[in-house]
Amino acid sequence: MHRTDNRHVTGGSHSSRSGDKGGHPARTVAAHREAVRELLASLGGPGRTEQLPLLEALGRGLAADITAPVDLPPFANSQMDGFAVRSTDIPDGGRELRVVDPVPAGAVAAPLEPGTAAPIMTGAMIPPGADAVVPIERAVPDSFPRPGTPASVRLPATESGAYVRDAGSDVRTGELALAGGTFLGPGQLGLLAALGITQVTVNRNLKVLLATTGDEVVEPGRPLEPGKIYDANGTLLEAAMRQAGLDVLRTAISTDNPEQLTTLLRQHAPRVDLIVTTGGVSKGAYEVVRQATAEQDVEFLHVAMQPGGPQGIGRFDGVPFVGFPGNPVSCLVSFEMFLRPVLSTLLGSPAPRPAIRARLADPVESPAGKHQLRRGTLQPDGTVRLEGGAGSHLVHALAGSNALIHVPVGTSALAAGAEVEVWTL
């Protein structure tokens, strides 16, 4: 798309708010994701970090590169329980060697004399002079000598370096251990602990204002009058955001009164990093979000995506603003397609959704001019089964799925057995 699609990011004129009213073609998924990325780019950076103990940093994004302060492992050690030897002491046919004092893990090993073998535990330091380990299973007898037994063992020939973990073979002092932006899971925190690091600098969690709208929407637990529906969007999106590491400030449901919504957004905007609304972004007569942001630098447009085509993006009182459609599946798909991947790129958290290839268990049809997202369930045989129809209101089908199936623009139909991209949820 042309740069003018993103004028809301750089403070362009209000004419950019016309979006799809002027007959412009729908924005591509990739172009809208890039617009969201530009909008949120200022939410990362050195001034938005904090230092945490390792376990408190679980699920956060690393703020800057970390280089290794020590070698890992810090010394050459044994990969197996066995005998530390000089490989040149053992000819091709094997040899009987005199057994010397064992080397337990955590001990400093004495130098190994020629013609001897030292019983060694997994992880124990390789004695100076030794250059290989023979696993105990290959020894005769295949056990460590006991008190009162002959202190010798027959070992087969071995190569230099066999079953030895060299110092720095994992990472060397000064090398990059983890790059800034890395998602910190158990493996990453384990590496930092192995390097002796106890504190880590991470990107701060963003604070998000989540506002759901609609006269027809009722909070769960209240009486359901004719013409009303229970609000799923608030719980659905708050759960998704919290799972993604966001701090969520959720308002009460706003009515379709634009002045009320404007007041609500203005009240909370100074306390948050990002505003997200659901509903009121299409072209209908009661599109409250459009009306409430009429004097703001906010653009409403259509993305070539199903569900989730209508989108709002810009700034409300200077705060980044994203408006999602009101149907439950549409708002969740919008979060997964735009907000979650952008936050992952900018802040290192949440972790990206794993993308795999799978074969359809069912045929599927799709509007050729749209990127369609269908709910699906991955099967043990590597296929993915459709869950429910294409309707954006089918919450039961959403709850029964564990994947999003991508049908790209330009594809109107796929047969069962066709290979598709799938994001696992």
Protein backbone atom coordinates (compact mmCIF):
# COMPACT_ATOMS: atom_id res chain seq x y z
CA MET A 1 0.00 0.00 0.00
CA HIS A 2 1.04 3.63 -0.44
CA ARG A 3 2.46 5.59 2.46
CA THR A 4 -0.77 7.63 2.67
CA ASP A 5 -2.42 4.57 4.26
CA ASN A 6 -0.38 5.25 7.39
CA ARG A 7 -0.87 9.00 7.77
CA HIS A 8 -2.61 8.47 11.11
CA VAL A 9 0.75 7.39 12.48
CA THR A 10 2.57 10.54 11.50
CA GLY A 11 -0.16 13.07 12.23
CA GLY A 12 -1.68 13.37 8.74
CA SER A 13 -4.81 15.31 7.85
CA HIS A 14 -8.28 14.23 8.89
CA SER A 15 -9.03 13.39 5.26
CA SER A 16 -7.20 10.13 5.93
CA ARG A 17 -10.10 9.16 8.20
CA SER A 18 -12.29 8.51 5.19
CA GLY A 19 -10.74 5.05 4.89
CA ASP A 20 -13.03 2.94 2.74
CA LYS A 21 -15.61 5.68 2.15
CA GLY A 22 -13.79 7.06 -0.86
CA GLY A 23 -13.79 3.86 -2.84
CA HIS A 24 -10.25 2.88 -1.91
CA PRO A 25 -9.38 -0.79 -2.25
CA ALA A 26 -9.23 -2.82 0.94
CA ARG A 27 -5.87 -2.76 2.69
CA THR A 28 -3.90 -5.98 2.69
CA VAL A 29 -3.33 -7.87 5.92
CA ALA A 30 0.41 -7.25 5.66
CA ALA A 31 -0.04 -3.52 5.10
CA HIS A 32 -2.37 -3.15 8.08
CA ARG A 33 -0.03 -5.12 10.31
CA GLU A 34 2.77 -2.76 9.29
CA ALA A 35 0.54 0.23 10.07
CA VAL A 36 -0.07 -1.18 13.56
CA ARG A 37 3.66 -1.75 13.97
CA GLU A 38 4.42 1.88 13.07
CA LEU A 39 1.69 3.10 15.41
CA LEU A 40 3.13 1.17 18.35
CA ALA A 41 6.84 1.61 17.54
CA SER A 42 7.29 4.25 20.26
CA LEU A 43 6.05 1.87 22.98
CA GLY A 44 9.40 0.04 23.14
CA GLY A 45 12.86 1.37 23.88
CA PRO A 46 15.36 2.00 26.70
CA GLY A 47 13.02 4.21 28.71
CA ARG A 48 10.38 1.49 28.96
CA THR A 49 12.33 -1.27 30.66
CA GLU A 50 12.69 -2.73 34.13
CA GLN A 51 15.08 -5.12 35.85
CA LEU A 52 13.61 -8.28 37.37
CA PRO A 53 14.83 -11.45 39.09
CA LEU A 54 14.97 -14.32 36.63
CA LEU A 55 11.75 -16.12 37.56
CA GLU A 56 9.76 -12.88 37.59
CA ALA A 57 10.93 -12.29 34.01
CA LEU A 58 9.21 -15.45 32.73
CA GLY A 59 7.16 -14.64 29.64
CA ARG A 60 8.71 -11.20 29.14
CA GLY A 61 10.81 -9.86 26.27
CA LEU A 62 14.54 -9.28 26.76
CA ALA A 63 15.29 -5.56 26.44
CA ALA A 64 18.91 -5.77 25.21
CA ASP A 65 21.56 -8.23 24.09
CA ILE A 66 23.26 -10.32 26.78
CA THR A 67 26.82 -11.56 26.26
CA ALA A 68 28.18 -14.52 28.17
CA PRO A 69 30.17 -13.45 31.27
CA VAL A 70 31.78 -16.91 31.55
CA ASP A 71 32.45 -19.94 29.40
CA LEU A 72 29.71 -22.54 29.39
CA PRO A 73 30.65 -25.12 30.46
CA PRO A 74 33.34 -23.33 32.49
CA PHE A 75 35.72 -26.33 32.33
CA ALA A 76 36.12 -29.51 30.30
CA ASN A 77 33.93 -32.20 31.86
CA SER A 78 32.77 -35.75 31.30
CA GLN A 79 29.68 -36.50 29.27
CA MET A 80 29.37 -40.01 30.77
CA ASP A 81 30.11 -42.08 33.82
CA GLY A 82 33.30 -43.89 32.83
CA PHE A 83 37.09 -43.67 32.90
CA ALA A 84 39.14 -40.61 32.04
CA VAL A 85 42.18 -41.69 30.00
CA ARG A 86 44.97 -40.54 27.72
CA SER A 87 43.85 -41.78 24.31
CA THR A 88 47.46 -42.44 23.27
CA ASP A 89 47.81 -44.94 26.14
CA ILE A 90 45.37 -47.41 24.51
CA PRO A 91 46.34 -49.28 21.31
CA ASP A 92 43.78 -50.53 18.79
CA GLY A 93 43.36 -53.85 20.57
CA GLY A 94 42.69 -52.23 23.94
CA ARG A 95 44.78 -52.24 27.09
CA GLU A 96 44.61 -52.87 30.82
CA LEU A 97 45.25 -49.70 32.81
CA ARG A 98 45.86 -49.11 36.49
CA VAL A 99 42.93 -47.43 38.21
CA VAL A 100 43.69 -44.30 40.26
CA ASP A 101 41.56 -42.16 42.56
CA PRO A 102 38.08 -41.35 41.20
CA VAL A 103 36.95 -37.87 40.10
CA PRO A 104 33.52 -37.04 41.55
CA ALA A 105 31.46 -34.14 40.24
CA GLY A 106 32.48 -30.88 41.89
CA ALA A 107 36.04 -32.00 42.71
CA VAL A 108 39.26 -30.57 41.29
CA ALA A 109 40.98 -33.46 39.50
CA ALA A 110 44.64 -34.32 39.99
CA PRO A 111 46.76 -34.73 36.83
CA LEU A 112 46.40 -38.12 35.17
CA GLU A 113 49.66 -40.06 34.89
CA PRO A 114 50.45 -42.10 31.77
CA GLY A 115 49.16 -45.68 31.86
CA THR A 116 46.36 -44.94 34.32
CA ALA A 117 42.59 -44.48 34.21
CA ALA A 118 40.53 -42.37 36.59
CA PRO A 119 36.91 -43.32 37.34
CA ILE A 120 34.91 -40.18 36.53
CA MET A 121 31.30 -39.12 37.08
CA THR A 122 29.08 -37.32 34.57
CA GLY A 123 29.83 -33.60 34.76
CA ALA A 124 33.11 -34.05 36.64
CA MET A 125 36.22 -32.13 35.62
CA ILE A 126 38.51 -33.85 33.11
CA PRO A 127 41.88 -34.41 34.83
CA PRO A 128 44.84 -32.52 33.35
CA GLY A 129 46.56 -34.84 30.89
CA ALA A 130 43.40 -36.81 30.06
CA ASP A 131 41.77 -36.18 26.69
CA ALA A 132 38.98 -38.77 26.48
CA VAL A 133 36.42 -40.71 28.49
CA VAL A 134 35.59 -44.40 27.97
CA PRO A 135 31.99 -45.15 29.08
CA ILE A 136 31.78 -47.61 31.91
CA GLU A 137 29.66 -49.95 29.76
CA ARG A 138 32.72 -50.56 27.53
CA ALA A 139 35.06 -51.43 30.40
CA VAL A 140 36.04 -54.90 31.59
CA PRO A 141 34.86 -55.30 34.29
CA ASP A 142 31.94 -52.96 33.46
CA SER A 143 31.85 -51.36 36.89
CA PHE A 144 34.06 -49.22 39.05
CA PRO A 145 36.53 -51.14 41.24
CA ARG A 146 35.31 -51.87 44.75
CA PRO A 147 37.51 -51.79 47.85
CA GLY A 148 39.64 -54.92 47.98
CA THR A 149 39.33 -55.70 44.26
CA PRO A 150 42.18 -55.45 41.72
CA ALA A 151 42.68 -51.79 40.87
CA SER A 152 42.89 -52.25 37.10
CA VAL A 153 40.51 -52.14 34.16
CA ARG A 154 40.68 -53.18 30.52
CA LEU A 155 39.51 -50.49 28.11
CA PRO A 156 39.08 -50.38 24.34
CA ALA A 157 40.84 -47.87 22.11
CA THR A 158 39.21 -44.45 21.96
CA GLU A 159 39.62 -41.19 20.08
CA SER A 160 40.87 -37.95 21.60
CA GLY A 161 37.89 -35.84 22.70
CA ALA A 162 35.50 -38.77 23.03
CA TYR A 163 32.73 -38.05 25.58
CA VAL A 164 34.42 -34.81 26.67
CA ARG A 165 32.49 -31.55 26.84
CA ASP A 166 35.06 -28.86 26.14
CA ALA A 167 35.08 -25.59 28.06
CA GLY A 168 33.05 -23.01 26.14
CA SER A 169 31.59 -25.61 23.79
CA ASP A 170 28.10 -24.25 24.52
CA VAL A 171 28.94 -20.54 24.59
CA ARG A 172 32.23 -18.69 25.15
CA THR A 173 32.92 -15.63 27.26
CA GLY A 174 31.96 -12.50 25.31
CA GLU A 175 29.78 -14.30 22.78
CA LEU A 176 26.13 -13.38 22.33
CA ALA A 177 24.09 -15.47 24.74
CA LEU A 178 20.62 -14.01 24.03
CA ALA A 179 19.62 -11.28 21.59
CA GLY A 180 17.48 -8.34 22.64
CA GLY A 181 13.82 -9.04 21.88
CA THR A 182 14.08 -12.71 22.81
CA PHE A 183 11.01 -14.17 24.51
CA LEU A 184 12.09 -15.44 27.94
CA GLY A 185 10.80 -18.94 28.50
CA PRO A 186 12.17 -21.68 30.78
CA GLY A 187 15.04 -22.51 28.41
CA GLN A 188 16.21 -18.91 28.14
CA LEU A 189 16.01 -18.31 31.90
CA GLY A 190 17.88 -21.60 32.46
CA LEU A 191 20.70 -20.38 30.22
CA LEU A 192 20.96 -17.11 32.14
CA ALA A 193 21.07 -19.01 35.43
CA ALA A 194 23.79 -21.29 34.04
CA LEU A 195 25.79 -18.15 33.23
CA GLY A 196 25.45 -16.96 36.84
CA ILE A 197 23.06 -14.12 35.98
CA THR A 198 20.40 -13.35 38.61
CA GLN A 199 18.74 -10.20 37.23
CA VAL A 200 17.60 -9.40 33.71
CA THR A 201 16.39 -6.22 32.00
CA VAL A 202 13.07 -6.71 30.22
CA ASN A 203 10.55 -4.58 28.36
CA ARG A 204 7.78 -3.30 30.58
CA ASN A 205 4.30 -4.71 30.09
CA LEU A 206 2.03 -2.36 28.21
CA LYS A 207 -1.09 -1.03 29.93
CA VAL A 208 -4.12 -1.35 27.66
CA LEU A 209 -7.55 0.20 28.00
CA LEU A 210 -10.15 -2.27 26.72
CA ALA A 211 -13.59 -0.80 26.00
CA THR A 212 -16.48 -2.86 24.64
CA THR A 213 -19.48 -1.09 23.19
CA GLY A 214 -23.13 -1.67 22.33
CA ASP A 215 -26.61 -0.94 23.68
CA GLU A 216 -27.45 -4.58 23.05
CA VAL A 217 -24.59 -5.95 25.16
CA VAL A 218 -25.10 -7.06 28.78
CA GLU A 219 -22.53 -8.11 31.36
CA PRO A 220 -22.71 -11.86 32.13
CA GLY A 221 -24.66 -12.51 35.32
CA ARG A 222 -27.29 -9.84 34.72
CA PRO A 223 -30.83 -10.52 33.47
CA LEU A 224 -30.98 -11.03 29.69
CA GLU A 225 -33.84 -9.01 28.29
CA PRO A 226 -35.29 -9.44 24.78
CA GLY A 227 -32.95 -8.07 22.12
CA LYS A 228 -29.92 -8.26 24.39
CA ILE A 229 -26.85 -10.52 24.29
CA TYR A 230 -24.21 -11.31 26.87
CA ASP A 231 -20.82 -9.71 26.30
CA ALA A 232 -18.21 -12.24 25.19
CA ASN A 233 -15.75 -9.74 23.73
CA GLY A 234 -14.59 -8.27 27.01
CA THR A 235 -13.70 -11.63 28.53
CA LEU A 236 -12.36 -13.01 25.23
CA LEU A 237 -10.02 -10.11 24.54
CA GLU A 238 -8.97 -9.48 28.13
CA ALA A 239 -8.01 -13.15 28.44
CA ALA A 240 -6.06 -13.02 25.18
CA MET A 241 -4.30 -9.82 26.23
CA ARG A 242 -3.45 -11.05 29.70
CA GLN A 243 -2.15 -14.29 28.21
CA ALA A 244 0.02 -12.13 25.95
CA GLY A 245 1.49 -10.29 28.95
CA LEU A 246 -0.52 -7.06 28.75
CA ASP A 247 -1.85 -5.21 31.79
CA VAL A 248 -5.53 -4.67 31.00
CA LEU A 249 -7.74 -1.87 32.31
CA ARG A 250 -11.25 -2.93 31.35
CA THR A 251 -14.12 -0.49 31.44
CA ALA A 252 -17.79 -1.16 31.91
CA ILE A 253 -19.67 -1.72 28.65
CA SER A 254 -20.24 1.59 26.89
CA THR A 255 -23.62 2.34 25.35
CA ASP A 256 -24.09 3.57 21.79
CA ASN A 257 -23.98 7.15 23.03
CA PRO A 258 -20.86 8.67 21.40
CA GLU A 259 -20.50 11.45 23.99
CA GLN A 260 -20.41 8.86 26.78
CA LEU A 261 -17.73 6.84 24.98
CA THR A 262 -15.66 9.96 24.25
CA THR A 263 -15.79 10.90 27.94
CA LEU A 264 -14.84 7.36 28.98
CA LEU A 265 -11.84 7.18 26.63
CA ARG A 266 -10.68 10.68 27.58
CA GLN A 267 -10.92 9.82 31.28
CA HIS A 268 -8.63 6.78 31.00
CA ALA A 269 -6.32 7.73 28.11
CA PRO A 270 -3.65 9.44 30.27
CA ARG A 271 -3.19 6.23 32.31
CA VAL A 272 -2.59 3.76 29.47
CA ASP A 273 -0.20 3.00 26.62
CA LEU A 274 -2.81 1.73 24.18
CA ILE A 275 -6.57 1.92 23.68
CA VAL A 276 -8.48 -1.01 22.17
CA THR A 277 -12.21 -0.90 21.47
CA THR A 278 -14.58 -3.54 20.11
CA GLY A 279 -17.59 -2.79 17.95
CA GLY A 280 -18.78 0.39 16.29
CA VAL A 281 -16.21 0.53 13.48
CA SER A 282 -18.31 -0.39 10.41
CA LYS A 283 -20.46 1.86 8.20
CA GLY A 284 -23.80 1.42 9.93
CA ALA A 285 -26.00 4.15 11.39
CA TYR A 286 -24.98 3.47 15.01
CA GLU A 287 -21.21 3.08 14.77
CA VAL A 288 -20.41 4.64 18.13
CA VAL A 289 -16.62 4.31 17.95
CA ARG A 290 -16.53 6.17 14.64
CA GLN A 291 -18.72 8.91 16.12
CA ALA A 292 -16.81 9.14 19.40
CA THR A 293 -13.46 9.57 17.61
CA ALA A 294 -14.70 11.90 14.86
CA GLU A 295 -12.41 14.73 15.96
CA GLN A 296 -9.42 12.47 16.62
CA ASP A 297 -6.61 11.36 14.31
CA VAL A 298 -8.28 8.00 13.74
CA GLU A 299 -8.84 6.24 10.43
CA PHE A 300 -11.50 3.65 9.70
CA LEU A 301 -10.94 1.31 6.79
CA HIS A 302 -11.50 -2.18 5.49
CA VAL A 303 -8.84 -4.89 5.50
CA ALA A 304 -9.08 -7.70 2.95
CA MET A 305 -9.63 -10.28 5.68
CA GLN A 306 -12.51 -12.47 6.82
CA PRO A 307 -13.51 -12.28 9.62
CA GLY A 308 -12.29 -8.93 10.92
CA GLY A 309 -12.49 -6.71 7.83
CA PRO A 310 -13.56 -3.38 9.45
CA GLN A 311 -10.72 -1.83 11.44
CA GLY A 312 -9.92 1.45 13.18
CA ILE A 313 -6.41 2.76 13.79
CA GLY A 314 -4.82 6.02 14.91
CA ARG A 315 -4.46 8.09 18.07
CA PHE A 316 -6.97 9.27 20.65
CA ASP A 317 -5.66 12.31 22.56
CA GLY A 318 -2.21 11.19 21.40
CA VAL A 319 -2.56 7.62 22.72
CA PRO A 320 -2.28 4.80 20.17
CA PHE A 321 -5.75 3.53 19.33
CA VAL A 322 -6.90 0.29 17.68
CA GLY A 323 -10.58 -0.41 16.98
CA PHE A 324 -11.64 -4.01 16.38
CA PRO A 325 -14.99 -5.24 15.01
CA GLY A 326 -17.74 -6.27 17.42
CA ASN A 327 -18.30 -9.93 16.55
CA PRO A 328 -16.39 -12.16 19.00
CA VAL A 329 -14.45 -14.19 16.45
CA SER A 330 -13.65 -11.04 14.45
CA CYS A 331 -12.14 -9.25 17.43
CA LEU A 332 -10.05 -12.25 18.48
CA VAL A 333 -8.80 -12.84 14.94
CA SER A 334 -7.94 -9.14 14.72
CA PHE A 335 -5.90 -9.42 17.91
CA GLU A 336 -4.09 -12.53 16.63
CA MET A 337 -3.39 -11.12 13.18
CA PHE A 338 -2.36 -7.57 14.09
CA LEU A 339 -1.73 -6.79 17.73
CA ARG A 340 -0.12 -9.99 19.01
CA PRO A 341 2.50 -10.37 16.22
CA VAL A 342 3.41 -6.68 16.37
CA LEU A 343 3.94 -6.81 20.14
CA SER A 344 6.04 -9.94 19.68
CA THR A 345 8.27 -8.14 17.15
CA LEU A 346 8.57 -4.89 19.12
CA LEU A 347 8.81 -6.17 22.68
CA GLY A 348 9.77 -9.84 22.42
CA SER A 349 6.57 -10.84 24.19
CA PRO A 350 4.30 -12.67 23.67
CA ALA A 351 5.94 -15.54 21.83
CA PRO A 352 4.88 -15.77 18.16
CA ARG A 353 2.18 -18.28 17.33
CA PRO A 354 3.83 -21.44 15.91
CA ALA A 355 3.11 -21.63 12.18
CA ILE A 356 3.01 -25.09 10.62
CA ARG A 357 1.83 -26.72 7.40
CA ALA A 358 -1.07 -29.16 7.59
CA ARG A 359 -3.46 -30.83 5.17
CA LEU A 360 -7.15 -30.03 5.22
CA ALA A 361 -9.44 -32.79 6.43
CA ASP A 362 -12.37 -30.99 4.79
CA PRO A 363 -12.84 -28.89 1.65
CA VAL A 364 -13.10 -25.14 2.20
CA GLU A 365 -14.44 -22.19 0.19
CA SER A 366 -13.24 -18.60 0.59
CA PRO A 367 -13.87 -15.17 -0.98
CA ALA A 368 -11.06 -14.91 -3.52
CA GLY A 369 -10.30 -11.29 -2.66
CA LYS A 370 -9.88 -11.87 1.07
CA HIS A 371 -7.47 -13.60 3.42
CA GLN A 372 -9.81 -15.96 5.27
CA LEU A 373 -9.17 -17.32 8.76
CA ARG A 374 -11.07 -20.44 9.75
CA ARG A 375 -11.13 -22.18 13.09
CA GLY A 376 -9.73 -25.68 13.10
CA THR A 377 -8.54 -28.61 15.18
CA LEU A 378 -5.24 -30.31 14.46
CA GLN A 379 -5.57 -34.09 14.27
CA PRO A 380 -3.03 -36.76 15.32
CA ASP A 381 -2.54 -37.72 11.66
CA GLY A 382 -1.28 -34.23 10.77
CA THR A 383 -4.50 -33.01 9.16
CA VAL A 384 -6.57 -30.06 10.34
CA ARG A 385 -10.36 -30.28 10.65
CA LEU A 386 -12.64 -27.28 10.23
CA GLU A 387 -14.64 -26.25 13.31
CA GLY A 388 -17.97 -24.64 12.47
CA GLY A 389 -18.72 -22.37 9.55
CA ALA A 390 -17.18 -19.06 8.53
CA GLY A 391 -19.55 -16.98 10.69
CA SER A 392 -17.84 -14.50 13.01
CA HIS A 393 -20.40 -15.11 15.78
CA LEU A 394 -19.65 -18.85 16.26
CA VAL A 395 -18.09 -18.77 19.72
CA HIS A 396 -18.82 -22.44 20.39
CA ALA A 397 -16.79 -23.41 17.31
CA LEU A 398 -14.01 -21.10 18.49
CA ALA A 399 -13.94 -22.77 21.90
CA GLY A 400 -13.63 -26.18 20.24
CA SER A 401 -10.66 -25.21 18.06
CA ASN A 402 -6.92 -25.11 18.67
CA ALA A 403 -5.74 -23.54 15.42
CA LEU A 404 -6.33 -20.82 12.87
CA ILE A 405 -6.38 -22.01 9.25
CA HIS A 406 -5.13 -19.47 6.69
CA VAL A 407 -6.71 -19.34 3.24
CA PRO A 408 -4.76 -16.65 1.37
CA VAL A 409 -6.05 -13.94 -0.97
CA GLY A 410 -6.67 -15.28 -4.45
CA THR A 411 -7.90 -18.70 -3.31
CA SER A 412 -11.61 -19.36 -3.71
CA ALA A 413 -11.67 -23.07 -2.89
CA LEU A 414 -9.41 -25.79 -1.54
CA ALA A 415 -10.09 -29.52 -1.66
CA ALA A 416 -9.65 -31.90 1.23
CA GLY A 417 -5.99 -32.85 1.37
CA ALA A 418 -4.74 -29.43 0.27
CA GLU A 419 -1.83 -28.07 2.29
CA VAL A 420 -2.45 -24.86 4.25
CA GLU A 421 -0.67 -22.68 6.80
CA VAL A 422 -1.95 -23.18 10.33
CA TRP A 423 -1.25 -21.14 13.46
CA THR A 424 -1.54 -23.23 16.60
CA LEU A 425 -3.35 -21.54 19.47
